[in-house]
Amino acid sequence: MSIYWTWSYPWEAQRDPAAMSNRFSTVTEVRNVAYPAYETPEFDAANFLQGIAGTLELFHRSTLSFQDLVAEQTGHPVAVFQRVDQAGYPQPIDERILADTDTLMVFGLDHLNSGLEADREEVEALREWLRHEGRCLVLAPHHDVGFTDDLGQRQVEYEHHGDRLVPRMQRFSRYTRSLMRGLGVPVHNIWGLRPAVLPGTRNPVDLRAFRDIDELGLLHDVSSLSFHQHLPHYELTAPEGASLRVLACQPVDLERPHPFTAAGETEFNAIIWMPPDGERAGDIVLVDSTHFTTLFGGTDSLRALWRNLVRLPLTRG
């Protein structure tokens, strides 16, 4: 199993902290907003990067529990790649990544204005890789918040999710979108929606799961996902059917106004599965990357999702 972070680490890390949109928070901002959660020697300036680079490292750290579970289940460590790493070296998706993995997870955390897109060779390499049974491509395009020139709507979206660390415009996943276009994945990541929670908690209410069409077993023992304040809706751009299945929907917090719910929607698409189809013998799954981190909590249900994903090559192979 491999993780591919789609960002350019240098581009993201060197964004101007004074920028009002399309950047990650600095660790100083994280410490201030999450106070006192990070007020330990581990995260002071002598031991941890305080700028945007530190936040990128928090993302890396946040997948370690998932990586540990994968290693425990498979006996193999998770390989981790970045489109452009800390030293500025690019790593496109090619045989160096694909030759030794049966499940590739593409974590779409590049900001749109970084300009990253998949080239034709990458799309063809993935298309060829997916011709083999037992392969699974997990696509995780992230949220698209404030994609309008209407400043009032941006503020409504901001108040809906309530995360002070997220700019009023934060648009992710240009690279992953280009992959989806190239591979014919008819899905568009849109909005940043706050899940409904159980009263008095930060625990999301259960998913509406369609287990009867989940022959893959991805939802076995999975009742809910993590509480992340701004999750994407995976909008279908083609009719749902045997080759394009919404496996689970997440109810939205209806007490906080949002254009999505103002249009009459009450839940968003959270997990999508595209079974093998035509020359493609591998599976394609769409689910947000935050559900594989511990930044926003971890539950037995989430760990069940992780185990189910690890088992996919055995199920298919």
C-alpha atoms as a PDB file:
ATOM      1  CA  MET A   1       0.000   0.000   0.000  1.00  0.00           C
ATOM      2  CA  SER A   2       1.248   3.478  -0.865  1.00  0.00           C
ATOM      3  CA  ILE A   3       0.242   7.052   0.006  1.00  0.00           C
ATOM      4  CA  TYR A   4       0.773   9.818  -2.540  1.00  0.00           C
ATOM      5  CA  TRP A   5       0.500  13.393  -1.236  1.00  0.00           C
ATOM      6  CA  THR A   6      -0.330  15.530  -4.261  1.00  0.00           C
ATOM      7  CA  TRP A   7       1.164  18.771  -3.003  1.00  0.00           C
ATOM      8  CA  SER A   8       4.379  20.554  -3.838  1.00  0.00           C
ATOM      9  CA  TYR A   9       5.861  20.749  -0.352  1.00  0.00           C
ATOM     10  CA  PRO A  10       8.051  23.796  -1.144  1.00  0.00           C
ATOM     11  CA  TRP A  11       5.196  25.687  -2.826  1.00  0.00           C
ATOM     12  CA  GLU A  12       2.791  25.102   0.058  1.00  0.00           C
ATOM     13  CA  ALA A  13       5.367  25.646   2.817  1.00  0.00           C
ATOM     14  CA  GLN A  14       6.521  28.969   1.384  1.00  0.00           C
ATOM     15  CA  ARG A  15       3.104  30.556   0.969  1.00  0.00           C
ATOM     16  CA  ASP A  16       2.927  34.028   2.500  1.00  0.00           C
ATOM     17  CA  PRO A  17       1.373  33.722   6.004  1.00  0.00           C
ATOM     18  CA  ALA A  18      -0.285  37.080   5.324  1.00  0.00           C
ATOM     19  CA  ALA A  19      -2.272  35.550   2.436  1.00  0.00           C
ATOM     20  CA  MET A  20      -5.999  35.494   3.161  1.00  0.00           C
ATOM     21  CA  SER A  21      -6.860  32.488   0.998  1.00  0.00           C
ATOM     22  CA  ASN A  22      -5.632  29.178  -0.359  1.00  0.00           C
ATOM     23  CA  ARG A  23      -2.944  28.338   2.161  1.00  0.00           C
ATOM     24  CA  PHE A  24      -2.433  25.997   5.068  1.00  0.00           C
ATOM     25  CA  SER A  25      -2.250  27.446   8.564  1.00  0.00           C
ATOM     26  CA  THR A  26       1.053  27.874  10.352  1.00  0.00           C
ATOM     27  CA  VAL A  27       1.768  25.802  13.447  1.00  0.00           C
ATOM     28  CA  THR A  28       1.714  29.044  15.449  1.00  0.00           C
ATOM     29  CA  GLU A  29      -1.882  29.554  14.277  1.00  0.00           C
ATOM     30  CA  VAL A  30      -2.725  25.934  15.078  1.00  0.00           C
ATOM     31  CA  ARG A  31      -1.296  26.304  18.579  1.00  0.00           C
ATOM     32  CA  ASN A  32      -3.258  29.490  19.136  1.00  0.00           C
ATOM     33  CA  VAL A  33      -6.611  28.147  17.908  1.00  0.00           C
ATOM     34  CA  ALA A  34      -6.247  24.689  19.479  1.00  0.00           C
ATOM     35  CA  TYR A  35      -4.756  26.015  22.739  1.00  0.00           C
ATOM     36  CA  PRO A  36      -3.589  24.307  24.924  1.00  0.00           C
ATOM     37  CA  ALA A  37      -3.511  21.055  22.913  1.00  0.00           C
ATOM     38  CA  TYR A  38      -0.068  21.722  21.429  1.00  0.00           C
ATOM     39  CA  GLU A  39       1.503  23.444  24.448  1.00  0.00           C
ATOM     40  CA  THR A  40       4.034  20.697  25.103  1.00  0.00           C
ATOM     41  CA  PRO A  41       7.818  20.679  24.621  1.00  0.00           C
ATOM     42  CA  GLU A  42       7.339  18.476  21.555  1.00  0.00           C
ATOM     43  CA  PHE A  43       5.768  21.369  19.651  1.00  0.00           C
ATOM     44  CA  ASP A  44       7.744  24.368  20.866  1.00  0.00           C
ATOM     45  CA  ALA A  45      10.016  26.235  18.482  1.00  0.00           C
ATOM     46  CA  ALA A  46      13.135  24.409  19.625  1.00  0.00           C
ATOM     47  CA  ASN A  47      11.716  21.059  18.529  1.00  0.00           C
ATOM     48  CA  PHE A  48       9.126  21.647  15.811  1.00  0.00           C
ATOM     49  CA  LEU A  49       8.698  23.837  12.749  1.00  0.00           C
ATOM     50  CA  GLN A  50       6.388  26.755  13.543  1.00  0.00           C
ATOM     51  CA  GLY A  51       5.439  27.815  10.026  1.00  0.00           C
ATOM     52  CA  ILE A  52       3.315  26.185   7.329  1.00  0.00           C
ATOM     53  CA  ALA A  53       5.930  23.450   6.944  1.00  0.00           C
ATOM     54  CA  GLY A  54       5.134  22.339  10.479  1.00  0.00           C
ATOM     55  CA  THR A  55       1.476  21.906   9.555  1.00  0.00           C
ATOM     56  CA  LEU A  56       2.459  19.750   6.577  1.00  0.00           C
ATOM     57  CA  GLU A  57       4.499  17.627   8.982  1.00  0.00           C
ATOM     58  CA  LEU A  58       1.436  17.292  11.223  1.00  0.00           C
ATOM     59  CA  PHE A  59      -0.362  15.743   8.256  1.00  0.00           C
ATOM     60  CA  HIS A  60       2.490  13.281   7.797  1.00  0.00           C
ATOM     61  CA  ARG A  61       2.412  12.384  11.494  1.00  0.00           C
ATOM     62  CA  SER A  62      -1.357  12.021  11.468  1.00  0.00           C
ATOM     63  CA  THR A  63      -1.275   8.971   9.191  1.00  0.00           C
ATOM     64  CA  LEU A  64       1.130   6.991  11.383  1.00  0.00           C
ATOM     65  CA  SER A  65      -1.630   5.065  13.185  1.00  0.00           C
ATOM     66  CA  PHE A  66      -3.093   4.061   9.831  1.00  0.00           C
ATOM     67  CA  GLN A  67       0.357   3.078   8.589  1.00  0.00           C
ATOM     68  CA  ASP A  68       0.954   0.998  11.727  1.00  0.00           C
ATOM     69  CA  LEU A  69      -2.296  -0.898  11.174  1.00  0.00           C
ATOM     70  CA  VAL A  70      -1.402  -1.579   7.539  1.00  0.00           C
ATOM     71  CA  ALA A  71       2.048  -2.849   8.492  1.00  0.00           C
ATOM     72  CA  GLU A  72       0.549  -5.049  11.198  1.00  0.00           C
ATOM     73  CA  GLN A  73      -2.014  -6.520   8.782  1.00  0.00           C
ATOM     74  CA  THR A  74       0.262  -6.981   5.764  1.00  0.00           C
ATOM     75  CA  GLY A  75       3.771  -7.298   7.153  1.00  0.00           C
ATOM     76  CA  HIS A  76       4.875  -4.463   4.861  1.00  0.00           C
ATOM     77  CA  PRO A  77       5.417  -0.769   5.633  1.00  0.00           C
ATOM     78  CA  VAL A  78       3.398   1.847   3.780  1.00  0.00           C
ATOM     79  CA  ALA A  79       5.410   3.656   1.122  1.00  0.00           C
ATOM     80  CA  VAL A  80       4.864   7.434   1.262  1.00  0.00           C
ATOM     81  CA  PHE A  81       5.473   9.771  -1.676  1.00  0.00           C
ATOM     82  CA  GLN A  82       5.002  13.479  -2.373  1.00  0.00           C
ATOM     83  CA  ARG A  83       4.531  15.025  -5.793  1.00  0.00           C
ATOM     84  CA  VAL A  84       7.310  17.471  -4.926  1.00  0.00           C
ATOM     85  CA  ASP A  85       9.185  16.729  -1.708  1.00  0.00           C
ATOM     86  CA  GLN A  86      10.918  18.959   0.851  1.00  0.00           C
ATOM     87  CA  ALA A  87      14.108  19.072  -1.203  1.00  0.00           C
ATOM     88  CA  GLY A  88      12.267  20.023  -4.380  1.00  0.00           C
ATOM     89  CA  TYR A  89      12.510  16.631  -6.080  1.00  0.00           C
ATOM     90  CA  PRO A  90       9.427  15.791  -8.182  1.00  0.00           C
ATOM     91  CA  GLN A  91       7.942  12.295  -8.060  1.00  0.00           C
ATOM     92  CA  PRO A  92       5.311  11.693 -10.728  1.00  0.00           C
ATOM     93  CA  ILE A  93       3.167   8.589 -10.523  1.00  0.00           C
ATOM     94  CA  ASP A  94       5.125   6.054 -12.570  1.00  0.00           C
ATOM     95  CA  GLU A  95       6.540   2.543 -12.338  1.00  0.00           C
ATOM     96  CA  ARG A  96       8.729   3.521  -9.373  1.00  0.00           C
ATOM     97  CA  ILE A  97       5.520   3.871  -7.341  1.00  0.00           C
ATOM     98  CA  LEU A  98       3.195   1.446  -9.097  1.00  0.00           C
ATOM     99  CA  ALA A  99       5.481  -1.578  -9.510  1.00  0.00           C
ATOM    100  CA  ASP A 100       5.368  -2.439  -5.825  1.00  0.00           C
ATOM    101  CA  THR A 101       1.853  -1.513  -4.692  1.00  0.00           C
ATOM    102  CA  ASP A 102      -1.603  -3.014  -4.982  1.00  0.00           C
ATOM    103  CA  THR A 103      -3.428  -0.078  -3.333  1.00  0.00           C
ATOM    104  CA  LEU A 104      -2.485   3.510  -4.144  1.00  0.00           C
ATOM    105  CA  MET A 105      -4.031   6.290  -2.065  1.00  0.00           C
ATOM    106  CA  VAL A 106      -3.944   9.727  -3.706  1.00  0.00           C
ATOM    107  CA  PHE A 107      -4.397  12.386  -1.008  1.00  0.00           C
ATOM    108  CA  GLY A 108      -5.505  15.525  -2.866  1.00  0.00           C
ATOM    109  CA  LEU A 109      -4.190  18.290  -0.629  1.00  0.00           C
ATOM    110  CA  ASP A 110      -2.672  20.541  -3.273  1.00  0.00           C
ATOM    111  CA  HIS A 111      -4.251  23.990  -3.506  1.00  0.00           C
ATOM    112  CA  LEU A 112      -5.767  24.743  -6.912  1.00  0.00           C
ATOM    113  CA  ASN A 113      -3.554  27.761  -7.496  1.00  0.00           C
ATOM    114  CA  SER A 114      -0.376  25.693  -7.142  1.00  0.00           C
ATOM    115  CA  GLY A 115      -1.117  24.642 -10.725  1.00  0.00           C
ATOM    116  CA  LEU A 116      -0.311  20.939 -10.392  1.00  0.00           C
ATOM    117  CA  GLU A 117      -1.871  18.577 -12.921  1.00  0.00           C
ATOM    118  CA  ALA A 118      -1.297  14.980 -13.945  1.00  0.00           C
ATOM    119  CA  ASP A 119       0.455  14.530 -17.258  1.00  0.00           C
ATOM    120  CA  ARG A 120      -0.575  12.072 -19.960  1.00  0.00           C
ATOM    121  CA  GLU A 121       2.116   9.563 -18.989  1.00  0.00           C
ATOM    122  CA  GLU A 122       0.822   9.390 -15.411  1.00  0.00           C
ATOM    123  CA  VAL A 123      -2.743   8.775 -16.543  1.00  0.00           C
ATOM    124  CA  GLU A 124      -1.607   6.035 -18.924  1.00  0.00           C
ATOM    125  CA  ALA A 125       0.555   4.439 -16.206  1.00  0.00           C
ATOM    126  CA  LEU A 126      -2.440   4.305 -13.858  1.00  0.00           C
ATOM    127  CA  ARG A 127      -4.710   3.026 -16.597  1.00  0.00           C
ATOM    128  CA  GLU A 128      -2.281   0.181 -17.297  1.00  0.00           C
ATOM    129  CA  TRP A 129      -1.841  -0.547 -13.569  1.00  0.00           C
ATOM    130  CA  LEU A 130      -5.615  -0.773 -13.128  1.00  0.00           C
ATOM    131  CA  ARG A 131      -5.882  -3.412 -15.848  1.00  0.00           C
ATOM    132  CA  HIS A 132      -4.742  -5.957 -13.246  1.00  0.00           C
ATOM    133  CA  GLU A 133      -7.162  -7.609 -10.836  1.00  0.00           C
ATOM    134  CA  GLY A 134      -6.587  -6.902  -7.150  1.00  0.00           C
ATOM    135  CA  ARG A 135      -5.489  -3.299  -7.663  1.00  0.00           C
ATOM    136  CA  CYS A 136      -7.308  -0.427  -5.959  1.00  0.00           C
ATOM    137  CA  LEU A 137      -6.935   3.287  -6.587  1.00  0.00           C
ATOM    138  CA  VAL A 138      -8.192   5.396  -3.678  1.00  0.00           C
ATOM    139  CA  LEU A 139      -8.849   8.965  -4.786  1.00  0.00           C
ATOM    140  CA  ALA A 140      -9.249  11.529  -2.015  1.00  0.00           C
ATOM    141  CA  PRO A 141     -10.007  14.978  -3.430  1.00  0.00           C
ATOM    142  CA  HIS A 142     -10.475  17.385  -0.536  1.00  0.00           C
ATOM    143  CA  HIS A 143     -12.841  20.300   0.062  1.00  0.00           C
ATOM    144  CA  ASP A 144     -13.535  23.298  -2.171  1.00  0.00           C
ATOM    145  CA  VAL A 145     -14.558  26.167   0.096  1.00  0.00           C
ATOM    146  CA  GLY A 146     -15.431  29.684  -1.066  1.00  0.00           C
ATOM    147  CA  PHE A 147     -15.272  29.066  -4.816  1.00  0.00           C
ATOM    148  CA  THR A 148     -17.422  32.141  -5.514  1.00  0.00           C
ATOM    149  CA  ASP A 149     -16.829  35.875  -5.885  1.00  0.00           C
ATOM    150  CA  ASP A 150     -19.799  36.419  -3.557  1.00  0.00           C
ATOM    151  CA  LEU A 151     -18.138  37.444  -0.285  1.00  0.00           C
ATOM    152  CA  GLY A 152     -21.389  36.964   1.601  1.00  0.00           C
ATOM    153  CA  GLN A 153     -21.581  33.333   0.528  1.00  0.00           C
ATOM    154  CA  ARG A 154     -17.964  32.801   1.548  1.00  0.00           C
ATOM    155  CA  GLN A 155     -18.841  34.056   5.021  1.00  0.00           C
ATOM    156  CA  VAL A 156     -21.886  31.765   5.222  1.00  0.00           C
ATOM    157  CA  GLU A 157     -19.674  28.795   4.320  1.00  0.00           C
ATOM    158  CA  TYR A 158     -17.097  29.872   6.917  1.00  0.00           C
ATOM    159  CA  GLU A 159     -19.712  30.139   9.657  1.00  0.00           C
ATOM    160  CA  HIS A 160     -21.155  26.779   8.630  1.00  0.00           C
ATOM    161  CA  HIS A 161     -17.960  24.815   9.186  1.00  0.00           C
ATOM    162  CA  GLY A 162     -16.733  27.036  12.035  1.00  0.00           C
ATOM    163  CA  ASP A 163     -13.034  26.230  11.669  1.00  0.00           C
ATOM    164  CA  ARG A 164     -10.969  29.353  12.337  1.00  0.00           C
ATOM    165  CA  LEU A 165      -7.945  27.756  10.668  1.00  0.00           C
ATOM    166  CA  VAL A 166      -9.629  27.493   7.266  1.00  0.00           C
ATOM    167  CA  PRO A 167      -9.572  30.590   5.035  1.00  0.00           C
ATOM    168  CA  ARG A 168     -12.813  31.809   3.532  1.00  0.00           C
ATOM    169  CA  MET A 169     -11.495  30.556   0.221  1.00  0.00           C
ATOM    170  CA  GLN A 170      -9.591  27.285   0.295  1.00  0.00           C
ATOM    171  CA  ARG A 171      -9.739  25.245  -2.888  1.00  0.00           C
ATOM    172  CA  PHE A 172      -8.015  21.869  -3.080  1.00  0.00           C
ATOM    173  CA  SER A 173      -7.241  19.010  -5.447  1.00  0.00           C
ATOM    174  CA  ARG A 174      -6.400  20.354  -8.894  1.00  0.00           C
ATOM    175  CA  TYR A 175      -4.036  17.435  -9.422  1.00  0.00           C
ATOM    176  CA  THR A 176      -6.583  14.817  -8.354  1.00  0.00           C
ATOM    177  CA  ARG A 177      -9.261  16.430 -10.503  1.00  0.00           C
ATOM    178  CA  SER A 178      -6.964  16.131 -13.514  1.00  0.00           C
ATOM    179  CA  LEU A 179      -6.421  12.444 -12.733  1.00  0.00           C
ATOM    180  CA  MET A 180     -10.170  11.913 -12.491  1.00  0.00           C
ATOM    181  CA  ARG A 181     -10.710  13.572 -15.862  1.00  0.00           C
ATOM    182  CA  GLY A 182      -8.004  11.452 -17.440  1.00  0.00           C
ATOM    183  CA  LEU A 183      -9.323   8.202 -15.981  1.00  0.00           C
ATOM    184  CA  GLY A 184     -12.975   8.984 -16.658  1.00  0.00           C
ATOM    185  CA  VAL A 185     -14.056   9.253 -13.020  1.00  0.00           C
ATOM    186  CA  PRO A 186     -17.322  11.247 -13.146  1.00  0.00           C
ATOM    187  CA  VAL A 187     -17.042  12.896  -9.724  1.00  0.00           C
ATOM    188  CA  HIS A 188     -16.491  16.510  -8.660  1.00  0.00           C
ATOM    189  CA  ASN A 189     -15.387  17.501  -5.155  1.00  0.00           C
ATOM    190  CA  ILE A 190     -17.379  20.503  -4.014  1.00  0.00           C
ATOM    191  CA  TRP A 191     -18.092  22.431  -0.770  1.00  0.00           C
ATOM    192  CA  GLY A 192     -16.754  21.901   2.741  1.00  0.00           C
ATOM    193  CA  LEU A 193     -19.620  20.517   4.820  1.00  0.00           C
ATOM    194  CA  ARG A 194     -19.923  20.027   8.560  1.00  0.00           C
ATOM    195  CA  PRO A 195     -21.317  16.615   9.533  1.00  0.00           C
ATOM    196  CA  ALA A 196     -24.274  16.386  11.873  1.00  0.00           C
ATOM    197  CA  VAL A 197     -23.189  15.199  15.329  1.00  0.00           C
ATOM    198  CA  LEU A 198     -24.782  13.342  18.197  1.00  0.00           C
ATOM    199  CA  PRO A 199     -26.218  15.825  20.739  1.00  0.00           C
ATOM    200  CA  GLY A 200     -23.625  17.118  23.189  1.00  0.00           C
ATOM    201  CA  THR A 201     -20.699  15.450  21.389  1.00  0.00           C
ATOM    202  CA  ARG A 202     -18.341  15.880  18.473  1.00  0.00           C
ATOM    203  CA  ASN A 203     -19.180  12.394  17.244  1.00  0.00           C
ATOM    204  CA  PRO A 204     -20.766  12.364  13.781  1.00  0.00           C
ATOM    205  CA  VAL A 205     -24.127  10.698  13.387  1.00  0.00           C
ATOM    206  CA  ASP A 206     -24.092   7.398  11.561  1.00  0.00           C
ATOM    207  CA  LEU A 207     -23.700   7.240   7.826  1.00  0.00           C
ATOM    208  CA  ARG A 208     -26.579   6.281   5.604  1.00  0.00           C
ATOM    209  CA  ALA A 209     -24.898   3.203   4.196  1.00  0.00           C
ATOM    210  CA  PHE A 210     -25.986   1.210   1.160  1.00  0.00           C
ATOM    211  CA  ARG A 211     -24.621  -2.148   2.205  1.00  0.00           C
ATOM    212  CA  ASP A 212     -26.645  -4.100  -0.356  1.00  0.00           C
ATOM    213  CA  ILE A 213     -24.463  -2.726  -3.183  1.00  0.00           C
ATOM    214  CA  ASP A 214     -21.178  -3.019  -1.257  1.00  0.00           C
ATOM    215  CA  GLU A 215     -19.973  -6.363  -2.596  1.00  0.00           C
ATOM    216  CA  LEU A 216     -16.467  -5.138  -1.831  1.00  0.00           C
ATOM    217  CA  GLY A 217     -17.155  -5.213   1.916  1.00  0.00           C
ATOM    218  CA  LEU A 218     -15.724  -1.738   2.373  1.00  0.00           C
ATOM    219  CA  LEU A 219     -18.420  -0.861   4.925  1.00  0.00           C
ATOM    220  CA  HIS A 220     -18.138  -4.006   7.037  1.00  0.00           C
ATOM    221  CA  ASP A 221     -18.400  -2.877  10.700  1.00  0.00           C
ATOM    222  CA  VAL A 222     -18.262   0.774   9.554  1.00  0.00           C
ATOM    223  CA  SER A 223     -21.023   2.918  11.043  1.00  0.00           C
ATOM    224  CA  SER A 224     -19.484   6.408  10.993  1.00  0.00           C
ATOM    225  CA  LEU A 225     -16.436   8.376   9.872  1.00  0.00           C
ATOM    226  CA  SER A 226     -14.334  11.025  11.605  1.00  0.00           C
ATOM    227  CA  PHE A 227     -15.639  14.435  12.639  1.00  0.00           C
ATOM    228  CA  HIS A 228     -14.000  16.844  10.241  1.00  0.00           C
ATOM    229  CA  GLN A 229     -15.633  20.250  10.041  1.00  0.00           C
ATOM    230  CA  HIS A 230     -15.429  20.717   6.273  1.00  0.00           C
ATOM    231  CA  LEU A 231     -15.782  17.554   4.239  1.00  0.00           C
ATOM    232  CA  PRO A 232     -16.278  17.499   0.476  1.00  0.00           C
ATOM    233  CA  HIS A 233     -19.446  16.403  -1.255  1.00  0.00           C
ATOM    234  CA  TYR A 234     -18.533  13.974  -4.029  1.00  0.00           C
ATOM    235  CA  GLU A 235     -20.972  15.181  -6.634  1.00  0.00           C
ATOM    236  CA  LEU A 236     -21.688  12.705  -9.419  1.00  0.00           C
ATOM    237  CA  THR A 237     -21.401  14.088 -12.946  1.00  0.00           C
ATOM    238  CA  ALA A 238     -22.857  10.935 -14.518  1.00  0.00           C
ATOM    239  CA  PRO A 239     -25.877   8.804 -13.577  1.00  0.00           C
ATOM    240  CA  GLU A 240     -25.425   6.434 -10.673  1.00  0.00           C
ATOM    241  CA  GLY A 241     -25.518   2.783 -11.688  1.00  0.00           C
ATOM    242  CA  ALA A 242     -23.704  -0.543 -11.504  1.00  0.00           C
ATOM    243  CA  SER A 243     -20.376   1.039 -12.473  1.00  0.00           C
ATOM    244  CA  LEU A 244     -20.734   4.140 -10.263  1.00  0.00           C
ATOM    245  CA  ARG A 245     -22.062   3.523  -6.757  1.00  0.00           C
ATOM    246  CA  VAL A 246     -22.563   5.820  -3.796  1.00  0.00           C
ATOM    247  CA  LEU A 247     -21.849   3.518  -0.848  1.00  0.00           C
ATOM    248  CA  ALA A 248     -22.413   5.995   1.985  1.00  0.00           C
ATOM    249  CA  CYS A 249     -23.858   9.447   2.620  1.00  0.00           C
ATOM    250  CA  GLN A 250     -23.115  11.662   5.613  1.00  0.00           C
ATOM    251  CA  PRO A 251     -25.921  13.772   7.139  1.00  0.00           C
ATOM    252  CA  VAL A 252     -25.077  17.494   7.265  1.00  0.00           C
ATOM    253  CA  ASP A 253     -25.396  19.792  10.278  1.00  0.00           C
ATOM    254  CA  LEU A 254     -28.687  21.481   9.406  1.00  0.00           C
ATOM    255  CA  GLU A 255     -28.480  23.978  12.268  1.00  0.00           C
ATOM    256  CA  ARG A 256     -25.758  25.921  10.433  1.00  0.00           C
ATOM    257  CA  PRO A 257     -26.969  27.510   7.175  1.00  0.00           C
ATOM    258  CA  HIS A 258     -25.174  26.640   3.945  1.00  0.00           C
ATOM    259  CA  PRO A 259     -25.995  26.983   0.218  1.00  0.00           C
ATOM    260  CA  PHE A 260     -25.960  23.176  -0.096  1.00  0.00           C
ATOM    261  CA  THR A 261     -28.707  22.718   2.484  1.00  0.00           C
ATOM    262  CA  ALA A 262     -30.558  25.839   1.323  1.00  0.00           C
ATOM    263  CA  ALA A 263     -31.005  23.972  -1.968  1.00  0.00           C
ATOM    264  CA  GLY A 264     -32.814  21.210  -0.070  1.00  0.00           C
ATOM    265  CA  GLU A 265     -29.939  18.777   0.468  1.00  0.00           C
ATOM    266  CA  THR A 266     -29.577  17.060   3.848  1.00  0.00           C
ATOM    267  CA  GLU A 267     -26.625  14.713   3.267  1.00  0.00           C
ATOM    268  CA  PHE A 268     -23.529  14.509   1.108  1.00  0.00           C
ATOM    269  CA  ASN A 269     -21.831  11.678  -0.754  1.00  0.00           C
ATOM    270  CA  ALA A 270     -18.978  10.416   1.431  1.00  0.00           C
ATOM    271  CA  ILE A 271     -17.841   7.105  -0.101  1.00  0.00           C
ATOM    272  CA  ILE A 272     -18.049   6.144  -3.768  1.00  0.00           C
ATOM    273  CA  TRP A 273     -17.036   2.901  -5.446  1.00  0.00           C
ATOM    274  CA  MET A 274     -16.400   2.247  -9.112  1.00  0.00           C
ATOM    275  CA  PRO A 275     -16.197  -1.543  -9.589  1.00  0.00           C
ATOM    276  CA  PRO A 276     -14.121  -3.071 -12.398  1.00  0.00           C
ATOM    277  CA  ASP A 277     -15.504  -2.063 -15.762  1.00  0.00           C
ATOM    278  CA  GLY A 278     -14.365  -2.924 -19.279  1.00  0.00           C
ATOM    279  CA  GLU A 279     -10.575  -3.099 -19.497  1.00  0.00           C
ATOM    280  CA  ARG A 280     -10.240  -1.818 -15.931  1.00  0.00           C
ATOM    281  CA  ALA A 281      -9.932  -4.877 -13.665  1.00  0.00           C
ATOM    282  CA  GLY A 282      -9.061  -2.833 -10.573  1.00  0.00           C
ATOM    283  CA  ASP A 283     -11.350  -0.875  -8.272  1.00  0.00           C
ATOM    284  CA  ILE A 284     -11.583   2.880  -7.778  1.00  0.00           C
ATOM    285  CA  VAL A 285     -12.760   4.202  -4.401  1.00  0.00           C
ATOM    286  CA  LEU A 286     -13.346   7.827  -3.419  1.00  0.00           C
ATOM    287  CA  VAL A 287     -13.194   8.810   0.259  1.00  0.00           C
ATOM    288  CA  ASP A 288     -11.676  11.856   1.942  1.00  0.00           C
ATOM    289  CA  SER A 289      -8.093  11.619   3.206  1.00  0.00           C
ATOM    290  CA  THR A 290      -8.987  12.940   6.667  1.00  0.00           C
ATOM    291  CA  HIS A 291     -10.563   9.572   7.439  1.00  0.00           C
ATOM    292  CA  PHE A 292      -7.087   8.022   7.371  1.00  0.00           C
ATOM    293  CA  THR A 293      -5.584  10.489   9.830  1.00  0.00           C
ATOM    294  CA  THR A 294      -5.887  10.980  13.574  1.00  0.00           C
ATOM    295  CA  LEU A 295      -5.940  14.789  13.440  1.00  0.00           C
ATOM    296  CA  PHE A 296      -9.699  14.729  13.874  1.00  0.00           C
ATOM    297  CA  GLY A 297     -10.122  11.742  16.160  1.00  0.00           C
ATOM    298  CA  GLY A 298     -10.117   8.000  15.622  1.00  0.00           C
ATOM    299  CA  THR A 299     -12.762   5.389  16.362  1.00  0.00           C
ATOM    300  CA  ASP A 300     -13.289   1.653  16.086  1.00  0.00           C
ATOM    301  CA  SER A 301     -15.480   2.362  13.075  1.00  0.00           C
ATOM    302  CA  LEU A 302     -12.644   4.192  11.323  1.00  0.00           C
ATOM    303  CA  ARG A 303     -10.221   1.392  12.078  1.00  0.00           C
ATOM    304  CA  ALA A 304     -12.721  -1.032  10.572  1.00  0.00           C
ATOM    305  CA  LEU A 305     -12.653   1.040   7.377  1.00  0.00           C
ATOM    306  CA  TRP A 306      -8.852   0.875   7.392  1.00  0.00           C
ATOM    307  CA  ARG A 307      -8.860  -2.914   7.823  1.00  0.00           C
ATOM    308  CA  ASN A 308     -11.414  -3.338   5.065  1.00  0.00           C
ATOM    309  CA  LEU A 309      -9.269  -1.310   2.700  1.00  0.00           C
ATOM    310  CA  VAL A 310      -6.204  -3.386   3.558  1.00  0.00           C
ATOM    311  CA  ARG A 311      -8.139  -6.580   2.763  1.00  0.00           C
ATOM    312  CA  LEU A 312      -9.233  -5.441  -0.702  1.00  0.00           C
ATOM    313  CA  PRO A 313      -6.320  -7.005  -2.612  1.00  0.00           C
ATOM    314  CA  LEU A 314      -7.039 -10.335  -0.900  1.00  0.00           C
ATOM    315  CA  THR A 315     -10.742  -9.998  -1.689  1.00  0.00           C
ATOM    316  CA  ARG A 316     -10.072  -9.293  -5.345  1.00  0.00           C
ATOM    317  CA  GLY A 317      -6.798 -11.070  -6.005  1.00  0.00           C
END
